[in-house]
Amino acid sequence: MGATVLLWVFLAIITPGVLGELERKHEGQCKFLPKYPFAKPKILSDQSEFAVGTTWEYECLPGYFKRSFFTTCLETSKWSDAQKYCKRE
């Protein structure tokens, strides 16, 4: 019985710290490059995670104004908005 109690105490104290560390490891990263119906990445990537501050260049598809723009991985783990770029001709 004493070993069971010690194991329970160990898990109750240590596990939240370990799980919290694993969660923090993924903070500050954006997942896959965003897909837009009006643009495509200038350079393709098969990466699944990007660090905060990473910028990626996109080019507008034919039929849209503006040639290219950048999107940035923000501290919120979201890519910056690109809806204002590549207006329909």
PDB file of N, CA and C in Angstrom:
ATOM      1  N   MET A   1       0.825  -1.193   0.000  1.00  0.00           N
ATOM      2  CA  MET A   1       0.000   0.000   0.000  1.00  0.00           C
ATOM      3  C   MET A   1       0.867   1.254   0.000  1.00  0.00           C
ATOM      4  N   GLY A   2       1.955   1.259   0.704  1.00  0.00           N
ATOM      5  CA  GLY A   2       2.824   2.423   0.760  1.00  0.00           C
ATOM      6  C   GLY A   2       3.399   2.768  -0.598  1.00  0.00           C
ATOM      7  N   ALA A   3       3.773   1.745  -1.375  1.00  0.00           N
ATOM      8  CA  ALA A   3       4.333   1.972  -2.711  1.00  0.00           C
ATOM      9  C   ALA A   3       3.278   2.585  -3.639  1.00  0.00           C
ATOM     10  N   THR A   4       2.046   2.140  -3.519  1.00  0.00           N
ATOM     11  CA  THR A   4       0.963   2.664  -4.351  1.00  0.00           C
ATOM     12  C   THR A   4       0.732   4.143  -4.059  1.00  0.00           C
ATOM     13  N   VAL A   5       0.738   4.490  -2.788  1.00  0.00           N
ATOM     14  CA  VAL A   5       0.544   5.888  -2.402  1.00  0.00           C
ATOM     15  C   VAL A   5       1.696   6.745  -2.927  1.00  0.00           C
ATOM     16  N   LEU A   6       2.934   6.239  -2.779  1.00  0.00           N
ATOM     17  CA  LEU A   6       4.085   6.984  -3.279  1.00  0.00           C
ATOM     18  C   LEU A   6       4.016   7.169  -4.796  1.00  0.00           C
ATOM     19  N   LEU A   7       3.604   6.143  -5.502  1.00  0.00           N
ATOM     20  CA  LEU A   7       3.468   6.235  -6.955  1.00  0.00           C
ATOM     21  C   LEU A   7       2.414   7.288  -7.318  1.00  0.00           C
ATOM     22  N   TRP A   8       1.301   7.264  -6.611  1.00  0.00           N
ATOM     23  CA  TRP A   8       0.234   8.233  -6.877  1.00  0.00           C
ATOM     24  C   TRP A   8       0.727   9.658  -6.625  1.00  0.00           C
ATOM     25  N   VAL A   9       1.436   9.862  -5.520  1.00  0.00           N
ATOM     26  CA  VAL A   9       1.974  11.192  -5.195  1.00  0.00           C
ATOM     27  C   VAL A   9       2.974  11.628  -6.269  1.00  0.00           C
ATOM     28  N   PHE A  10       3.826  10.714  -6.688  1.00  0.00           N
ATOM     29  CA  PHE A  10       4.809  11.011  -7.722  1.00  0.00           C
ATOM     30  C   PHE A  10       4.114  11.458  -9.008  1.00  0.00           C
ATOM     31  N   LEU A  11       3.124  10.691  -9.447  1.00  0.00           N
ATOM     32  CA  LEU A  11       2.408  11.026 -10.680  1.00  0.00           C
ATOM     33  C   LEU A  11       1.644  12.335 -10.551  1.00  0.00           C
ATOM     34  N   ALA A  12       1.055  12.583  -9.401  1.00  0.00           N
ATOM     35  CA  ALA A  12       0.279  13.803  -9.189  1.00  0.00           C
ATOM     36  C   ALA A  12       1.171  15.043  -9.217  1.00  0.00           C
ATOM     37  N   ILE A  13       2.405  14.896  -8.772  1.00  0.00           N
ATOM     38  CA  ILE A  13       3.316  16.046  -8.706  1.00  0.00           C
ATOM     39  C   ILE A  13       4.107  16.215  -9.999  1.00  0.00           C
ATOM     40  N   ILE A  14       4.645  15.151 -10.532  1.00  0.00           N
ATOM     41  CA  ILE A  14       5.542  15.222 -11.677  1.00  0.00           C
ATOM     42  C   ILE A  14       4.805  15.311 -13.014  1.00  0.00           C
ATOM     43  N   THR A  15       3.767  14.553 -13.201  1.00  0.00           N
ATOM     44  CA  THR A  15       3.097  14.482 -14.494  1.00  0.00           C
ATOM     45  C   THR A  15       2.597  15.826 -14.999  1.00  0.00           C
ATOM     46  N   PRO A  16       1.953  16.663 -14.189  1.00  0.00           N
ATOM     47  CA  PRO A  16       1.516  17.957 -14.727  1.00  0.00           C
ATOM     48  C   PRO A  16       2.673  18.790 -15.272  1.00  0.00           C
ATOM     49  N   GLY A  17       3.812  18.745 -14.632  1.00  0.00           N
ATOM     50  CA  GLY A  17       4.973  19.486 -15.117  1.00  0.00           C
ATOM     51  C   GLY A  17       5.463  18.958 -16.446  1.00  0.00           C
ATOM     52  N   VAL A  18       5.487  17.656 -16.597  1.00  0.00           N
ATOM     53  CA  VAL A  18       5.921  17.042 -17.851  1.00  0.00           C
ATOM     54  C   VAL A  18       4.930  17.375 -18.961  1.00  0.00           C
ATOM     55  N   LEU A  19       3.649  17.235 -18.683  1.00  0.00           N
ATOM     56  CA  LEU A  19       2.635  17.534 -19.695  1.00  0.00           C
ATOM     57  C   LEU A  19       2.663  19.009 -20.064  1.00  0.00           C
ATOM     58  N   GLY A  20       2.844  19.862 -19.085  1.00  0.00           N
ATOM     59  CA  GLY A  20       2.929  21.295 -19.362  1.00  0.00           C
ATOM     60  C   GLY A  20       4.108  21.621 -20.255  1.00  0.00           C
ATOM     61  N   GLU A  21       5.226  20.954 -20.025  1.00  0.00           N
ATOM     62  CA  GLU A  21       6.415  21.162 -20.846  1.00  0.00           C
ATOM     63  C   GLU A  21       6.165  20.724 -22.286  1.00  0.00           C
ATOM     64  N   LEU A  22       5.483  19.611 -22.461  1.00  0.00           N
ATOM     65  CA  LEU A  22       5.154  19.151 -23.806  1.00  0.00           C
ATOM     66  C   LEU A  22       4.227  20.136 -24.507  1.00  0.00           C
ATOM     67  N   GLU A  23       3.278  20.696 -23.788  1.00  0.00           N
ATOM     68  CA  GLU A  23       2.375  21.680 -24.375  1.00  0.00           C
ATOM     69  C   GLU A  23       3.133  22.942 -24.756  1.00  0.00           C
ATOM     70  N   ARG A  24       4.054  23.392 -23.897  1.00  0.00           N
ATOM     71  CA  ARG A  24       4.822  24.602 -24.188  1.00  0.00           C
ATOM     72  C   ARG A  24       5.728  24.412 -25.397  1.00  0.00           C
ATOM     73  N   LYS A  25       6.175  23.190 -25.641  1.00  0.00           N
ATOM     74  CA  LYS A  25       7.057  22.920 -26.766  1.00  0.00           C
ATOM     75  C   LYS A  25       6.394  23.317 -28.076  1.00  0.00           C
ATOM     76  N   HIS A  26       5.073  23.196 -28.154  1.00  0.00           N
ATOM     77  CA  HIS A  26       4.370  23.500 -29.391  1.00  0.00           C
ATOM     78  C   HIS A  26       3.809  24.917 -29.430  1.00  0.00           C
ATOM     79  N   GLU A  27       3.956  25.675 -28.344  1.00  0.00           N
ATOM     80  CA  GLU A  27       3.552  27.071 -28.371  1.00  0.00           C
ATOM     81  C   GLU A  27       4.518  27.828 -29.254  1.00  0.00           C
ATOM     82  N   GLY A  28       4.018  28.824 -29.924  1.00  0.00           N
ATOM     83  CA  GLY A  28       4.903  29.645 -30.736  1.00  0.00           C
ATOM     84  C   GLY A  28       5.264  29.015 -32.063  1.00  0.00           C
ATOM     85  N   GLN A  29       4.430  28.114 -32.543  1.00  0.00           N
ATOM     86  CA  GLN A  29       4.657  27.507 -33.847  1.00  0.00           C
ATOM     87  C   GLN A  29       3.368  27.536 -34.643  1.00  0.00           C
ATOM     88  N   CYS A  30       3.502  27.707 -35.937  1.00  0.00           N
ATOM     89  CA  CYS A  30       2.350  27.621 -36.825  1.00  0.00           C
ATOM     90  C   CYS A  30       2.409  26.279 -37.534  1.00  0.00           C
ATOM     91  N   LYS A  31       1.257  25.738 -37.781  1.00  0.00           N
ATOM     92  CA  LYS A  31       1.179  24.485 -38.526  1.00  0.00           C
ATOM     93  C   LYS A  31       1.267  24.800 -40.017  1.00  0.00           C
ATOM     94  N   PHE A  32       1.184  23.807 -40.829  1.00  0.00           N
ATOM     95  CA  PHE A  32       1.294  23.893 -42.279  1.00  0.00           C
ATOM     96  C   PHE A  32       1.050  25.289 -42.853  1.00  0.00           C
ATOM     97  N   LEU A  33       1.679  25.562 -43.996  1.00  0.00           N
ATOM     98  CA  LEU A  33       1.453  26.836 -44.683  1.00  0.00           C
ATOM     99  C   LEU A  33      -0.024  26.970 -45.022  1.00  0.00           C
ATOM    100  N   PRO A  34      -0.567  28.179 -44.898  1.00  0.00           N
ATOM    101  CA  PRO A  34      -1.984  28.359 -45.223  1.00  0.00           C
ATOM    102  C   PRO A  34      -2.238  28.195 -46.725  1.00  0.00           C
ATOM    103  N   LYS A  35      -3.444  27.745 -47.043  1.00  0.00           N
ATOM    104  CA  LYS A  35      -3.848  27.613 -48.445  1.00  0.00           C
ATOM    105  C   LYS A  35      -4.864  28.703 -48.759  1.00  0.00           C
ATOM    106  N   TYR A  36      -4.671  29.348 -49.898  1.00  0.00           N
ATOM    107  CA  TYR A  36      -5.559  30.413 -50.325  1.00  0.00           C
ATOM    108  C   TYR A  36      -6.079  30.102 -51.723  1.00  0.00           C
ATOM    109  N   PRO A  37      -7.336  30.446 -52.005  1.00  0.00           N
ATOM    110  CA  PRO A  37      -7.871  30.202 -53.347  1.00  0.00           C
ATOM    111  C   PRO A  37      -7.334  31.195 -54.379  1.00  0.00           C
ATOM    112  N   PHE A  38      -6.643  32.252 -53.913  1.00  0.00           N
ATOM    113  CA  PHE A  38      -6.178  33.311 -54.792  1.00  0.00           C
ATOM    114  C   PHE A  38      -4.663  33.381 -54.931  1.00  0.00           C
ATOM    115  N   ALA A  39      -3.932  32.500 -54.224  1.00  0.00           N
ATOM    116  CA  ALA A  39      -2.467  32.561 -54.256  1.00  0.00           C
ATOM    117  C   ALA A  39      -1.861  31.202 -53.936  1.00  0.00           C
ATOM    118  N   LYS A  40      -0.575  31.079 -54.275  1.00  0.00           N
ATOM    119  CA  LYS A  40       0.154  29.852 -53.944  1.00  0.00           C
ATOM    120  C   LYS A  40       1.539  30.242 -53.415  1.00  0.00           C
ATOM    121  N   PRO A  41       2.129  29.378 -52.573  1.00  0.00           N
ATOM    122  CA  PRO A  41       3.477  29.688 -52.071  1.00  0.00           C
ATOM    123  C   PRO A  41       4.468  29.762 -53.232  1.00  0.00           C
ATOM    124  N   LYS A  42       5.363  30.728 -53.171  1.00  0.00           N
ATOM    125  CA  LYS A  42       6.372  30.869 -54.226  1.00  0.00           C
ATOM    126  C   LYS A  42       7.326  29.671 -54.191  1.00  0.00           C
ATOM    127  N   ILE A  43       7.611  29.196 -52.987  1.00  0.00           N
ATOM    128  CA  ILE A  43       8.428  27.993 -52.806  1.00  0.00           C
ATOM    129  C   ILE A  43       7.607  27.027 -51.965  1.00  0.00           C
ATOM    130  N   LEU A  44       7.393  25.836 -52.457  1.00  0.00           N
ATOM    131  CA  LEU A  44       6.611  24.839 -51.729  1.00  0.00           C
ATOM    132  C   LEU A  44       7.422  24.269 -50.570  1.00  0.00           C
ATOM    133  N   SER A  45       6.736  23.817 -49.546  1.00  0.00           N
ATOM    134  CA  SER A  45       7.400  23.223 -48.381  1.00  0.00           C
ATOM    135  C   SER A  45       6.552  22.075 -47.858  1.00  0.00           C
ATOM    136  N   ASP A  46       7.237  21.019 -47.417  1.00  0.00           N
ATOM    137  CA  ASP A  46       6.513  19.893 -46.812  1.00  0.00           C
ATOM    138  C   ASP A  46       6.631  19.940 -45.281  1.00  0.00           C
ATOM    139  N   GLN A  47       7.157  21.058 -44.756  1.00  0.00           N
ATOM    140  CA  GLN A  47       7.243  21.220 -43.303  1.00  0.00           C
ATOM    141  C   GLN A  47       5.841  21.259 -42.714  1.00  0.00           C
ATOM    142  N   SER A  48       5.711  20.750 -41.491  1.00  0.00           N
ATOM    143  CA  SER A  48       4.411  20.787 -40.830  1.00  0.00           C
ATOM    144  C   SER A  48       4.373  21.799 -39.697  1.00  0.00           C
ATOM    145  N   GLU A  49       5.528  22.354 -39.317  1.00  0.00           N
ATOM    146  CA  GLU A  49       5.588  23.354 -38.252  1.00  0.00           C
ATOM    147  C   GLU A  49       6.597  24.433 -38.615  1.00  0.00           C
ATOM    148  N   PHE A  50       6.244  25.671 -38.257  1.00  0.00           N
ATOM    149  CA  PHE A  50       7.094  26.824 -38.551  1.00  0.00           C
ATOM    150  C   PHE A  50       7.215  27.678 -37.293  1.00  0.00           C
ATOM    151  N   ALA A  51       8.410  28.156 -37.002  1.00  0.00           N
ATOM    152  CA  ALA A  51       8.660  28.968 -35.814  1.00  0.00           C
ATOM    153  C   ALA A  51       8.024  30.347 -35.949  1.00  0.00           C
ATOM    154  N   VAL A  52       7.687  30.941 -34.821  1.00  0.00           N
ATOM    155  CA  VAL A  52       7.170  32.305 -34.801  1.00  0.00           C
ATOM    156  C   VAL A  52       8.179  33.209 -35.490  1.00  0.00           C
ATOM    157  N   GLY A  53       7.681  34.119 -36.315  1.00  0.00           N
ATOM    158  CA  GLY A  53       8.552  35.037 -37.040  1.00  0.00           C
ATOM    159  C   GLY A  53       8.891  34.564 -38.442  1.00  0.00           C
ATOM    160  N   THR A  54       8.606  33.300 -38.748  1.00  0.00           N
ATOM    161  CA  THR A  54       8.867  32.791 -40.092  1.00  0.00           C
ATOM    162  C   THR A  54       7.972  33.521 -41.081  1.00  0.00           C
ATOM    163  N   THR A  55       8.554  33.982 -42.169  1.00  0.00           N
ATOM    164  CA  THR A  55       7.752  34.601 -43.226  1.00  0.00           C
ATOM    165  C   THR A  55       7.843  33.726 -44.468  1.00  0.00           C
ATOM    166  N   TRP A  56       6.761  33.725 -45.241  1.00  0.00           N
ATOM    167  CA  TRP A  56       6.718  32.904 -46.451  1.00  0.00           C
ATOM    168  C   TRP A  56       6.105  33.728 -47.570  1.00  0.00           C
ATOM    169  N   GLU A  57       6.741  33.684 -48.729  1.00  0.00           N
ATOM    170  CA  GLU A  57       6.255  34.478 -49.853  1.00  0.00           C
ATOM    171  C   GLU A  57       5.244  33.684 -50.689  1.00  0.00           C
ATOM    172  N   TYR A  58       4.180  34.375 -51.051  1.00  0.00           N
ATOM    173  CA  TYR A  58       3.133  33.819 -51.906  1.00  0.00           C
ATOM    174  C   TYR A  58       3.051  34.657 -53.166  1.00  0.00           C
ATOM    175  N   GLU A  59       2.582  34.052 -54.240  1.00  0.00           N
ATOM    176  CA  GLU A  59       2.324  34.813 -55.457  1.00  0.00           C
ATOM    177  C   GLU A  59       0.864  34.660 -55.835  1.00  0.00           C
ATOM    178  N   CYS A  60       0.277  35.760 -56.270  1.00  0.00           N
ATOM    179  CA  CYS A  60      -1.130  35.760 -56.653  1.00  0.00           C
ATOM    180  C   CYS A  60      -1.319  34.948 -57.933  1.00  0.00           C
ATOM    181  N   LEU A  61      -2.424  34.275 -58.008  1.00  0.00           N
ATOM    182  CA  LEU A  61      -2.750  33.493 -59.192  1.00  0.00           C
ATOM    183  C   LEU A  61      -3.201  34.416 -60.319  1.00  0.00           C
ATOM    184  N   PRO A  62      -3.130  33.944 -61.568  1.00  0.00           N
ATOM    185  CA  PRO A  62      -3.616  34.752 -62.685  1.00  0.00           C
ATOM    186  C   PRO A  62      -5.064  35.173 -62.439  1.00  0.00           C
ATOM    187  N   GLY A  63      -5.366  36.410 -62.819  1.00  0.00           N
ATOM    188  CA  GLY A  63      -6.710  36.942 -62.607  1.00  0.00           C
ATOM    189  C   GLY A  63      -6.824  37.785 -61.356  1.00  0.00           C
ATOM    190  N   TYR A  64      -5.709  37.937 -60.623  1.00  0.00           N
ATOM    191  CA  TYR A  64      -5.694  38.739 -59.391  1.00  0.00           C
ATOM    192  C   TYR A  64      -4.638  39.826 -59.500  1.00  0.00           C
ATOM    193  N   PHE A  65      -4.926  41.011 -58.909  1.00  0.00           N
ATOM    194  CA  PHE A  65      -3.960  42.107 -58.842  1.00  0.00           C
ATOM    195  C   PHE A  65      -2.882  41.774 -57.829  1.00  0.00           C
ATOM    196  N   LYS A  66      -1.779  42.439 -57.960  1.00  0.00           N
ATOM    197  CA  LYS A  66      -0.613  42.311 -57.088  1.00  0.00           C
ATOM    198  C   LYS A  66       0.116  41.021 -57.433  1.00  0.00           C
ATOM    199  N   ARG A  67       1.392  41.075 -57.376  1.00  0.00           N
ATOM    200  CA  ARG A  67       2.164  39.902 -57.782  1.00  0.00           C
ATOM    201  C   ARG A  67       2.510  38.970 -56.643  1.00  0.00           C
ATOM    202  N   SER A  68       2.929  39.534 -55.516  1.00  0.00           N
ATOM    203  CA  SER A  68       3.312  38.657 -54.402  1.00  0.00           C
ATOM    204  C   SER A  68       3.103  39.370 -53.068  1.00  0.00           C
ATOM    205  N   PHE A  69       3.123  38.587 -51.998  1.00  0.00           N
ATOM    206  CA  PHE A  69       2.986  39.101 -50.637  1.00  0.00           C
ATOM    207  C   PHE A  69       3.604  38.086 -49.688  1.00  0.00           C
ATOM    208  N   PHE A  70       3.799  38.505 -48.457  1.00  0.00           N
ATOM    209  CA  PHE A  70       4.360  37.625 -47.433  1.00  0.00           C
ATOM    210  C   PHE A  70       3.330  37.380 -46.337  1.00  0.00           C
ATOM    211  N   THR A  71       3.342  36.200 -45.781  1.00  0.00           N
ATOM    212  CA  THR A  71       2.558  35.890 -44.590  1.00  0.00           C
ATOM    213  C   THR A  71       3.554  35.499 -43.500  1.00  0.00           C
ATOM    214  N   THR A  72       3.212  35.797 -42.261  1.00  0.00           N
ATOM    215  CA  THR A  72       4.134  35.604 -41.141  1.00  0.00           C
ATOM    216  C   THR A  72       3.490  34.767 -40.048  1.00  0.00           C
ATOM    217  N   CYS A  73       4.259  33.863 -39.456  1.00  0.00           N
ATOM    218  CA  CYS A  73       3.793  33.085 -38.305  1.00  0.00           C
ATOM    219  C   CYS A  73       3.832  33.998 -37.080  1.00  0.00           C
ATOM    220  N   LEU A  74       2.653  34.251 -36.504  1.00  0.00           N
ATOM    221  CA  LEU A  74       2.529  35.165 -35.373  1.00  0.00           C
ATOM    222  C   LEU A  74       2.684  34.444 -34.038  1.00  0.00           C
ATOM    223  N   GLU A  75       2.865  35.202 -32.959  1.00  0.00           N
ATOM    224  CA  GLU A  75       3.017  34.635 -31.616  1.00  0.00           C
ATOM    225  C   GLU A  75       1.781  33.869 -31.156  1.00  0.00           C
ATOM    226  N   THR A  76       0.672  34.090 -31.817  1.00  0.00           N
ATOM    227  CA  THR A  76      -0.581  33.396 -31.490  1.00  0.00           C
ATOM    228  C   THR A  76      -0.638  32.018 -32.154  1.00  0.00           C
ATOM    229  N   SER A  77       0.440  31.641 -32.839  1.00  0.00           N
ATOM    230  CA  SER A  77       0.523  30.386 -33.589  1.00  0.00           C
ATOM    231  C   SER A  77      -0.440  30.365 -34.771  1.00  0.00           C
ATOM    232  N   LYS A  78      -0.756  31.542 -35.286  1.00  0.00           N
ATOM    233  CA  LYS A  78      -1.596  31.688 -36.482  1.00  0.00           C
ATOM    234  C   LYS A  78      -0.794  32.438 -37.535  1.00  0.00           C
ATOM    235  N   TRP A  79      -1.115  32.190 -38.791  1.00  0.00           N
ATOM    236  CA  TRP A  79      -0.482  32.923 -39.870  1.00  0.00           C
ATOM    237  C   TRP A  79      -1.170  34.275 -40.025  1.00  0.00           C
ATOM    238  N   SER A  80      -0.409  35.302 -40.389  1.00  0.00           N
ATOM    239  CA  SER A  80      -0.987  36.633 -40.587  1.00  0.00           C
ATOM    240  C   SER A  80      -2.011  36.584 -41.722  1.00  0.00           C
ATOM    241  N   ASP A  81      -2.972  37.487 -41.648  1.00  0.00           N
ATOM    242  CA  ASP A  81      -4.075  37.516 -42.604  1.00  0.00           C
ATOM    243  C   ASP A  81      -3.591  37.946 -43.984  1.00  0.00           C
ATOM    244  N   ALA A  82      -4.068  37.266 -45.000  1.00  0.00           N
ATOM    245  CA  ALA A  82      -3.676  37.598 -46.369  1.00  0.00           C
ATOM    246  C   ALA A  82      -4.880  37.951 -47.226  1.00  0.00           C
ATOM    247  N   GLN A  83      -6.037  38.113 -46.620  1.00  0.00           N
ATOM    248  CA  GLN A  83      -7.257  38.383 -47.378  1.00  0.00           C
ATOM    249  C   GLN A  83      -7.203  39.715 -48.122  1.00  0.00           C
ATOM    250  N   LYS A  84      -6.382  40.661 -47.649  1.00  0.00           N
ATOM    251  CA  LYS A  84      -6.343  41.989 -48.278  1.00  0.00           C
ATOM    252  C   LYS A  84      -5.479  42.004 -49.543  1.00  0.00           C
ATOM    253  N   TYR A  85      -4.775  40.930 -49.792  1.00  0.00           N
ATOM    254  CA  TYR A  85      -3.909  40.852 -50.957  1.00  0.00           C
ATOM    255  C   TYR A  85      -4.625  40.167 -52.119  1.00  0.00           C
ATOM    256  N   CYS A  86      -4.058  40.278 -53.285  1.00  0.00           N
ATOM    257  CA  CYS A  86      -4.544  39.577 -54.474  1.00  0.00           C
ATOM    258  C   CYS A  86      -6.013  39.846 -54.754  1.00  0.00           C
ATOM    259  N   LYS A  87      -6.340  41.073 -55.051  1.00  0.00           N
ATOM    260  CA  LYS A  87      -7.712  41.442 -55.391  1.00  0.00           C
ATOM    261  C   LYS A  87      -8.034  40.987 -56.817  1.00  0.00           C
ATOM    262  N   ARG A  88      -9.269  40.587 -57.021  1.00  0.00           N
ATOM    263  CA  ARG A  88      -9.749  40.152 -58.350  1.00  0.00           C
ATOM    264  C   ARG A  88      -9.608  41.277 -59.359  1.00  0.00           C
ATOM    265  N   GLU A  89      -9.152  40.944 -60.564  1.00  0.00           N
ATOM    266  CA  GLU A  89      -9.049  41.950 -61.639  1.00  0.00           C
ATOM    267  C   GLU A  89     -10.422  42.313 -62.151  1.00  0.00           C
TER     268      GLU A  89
END
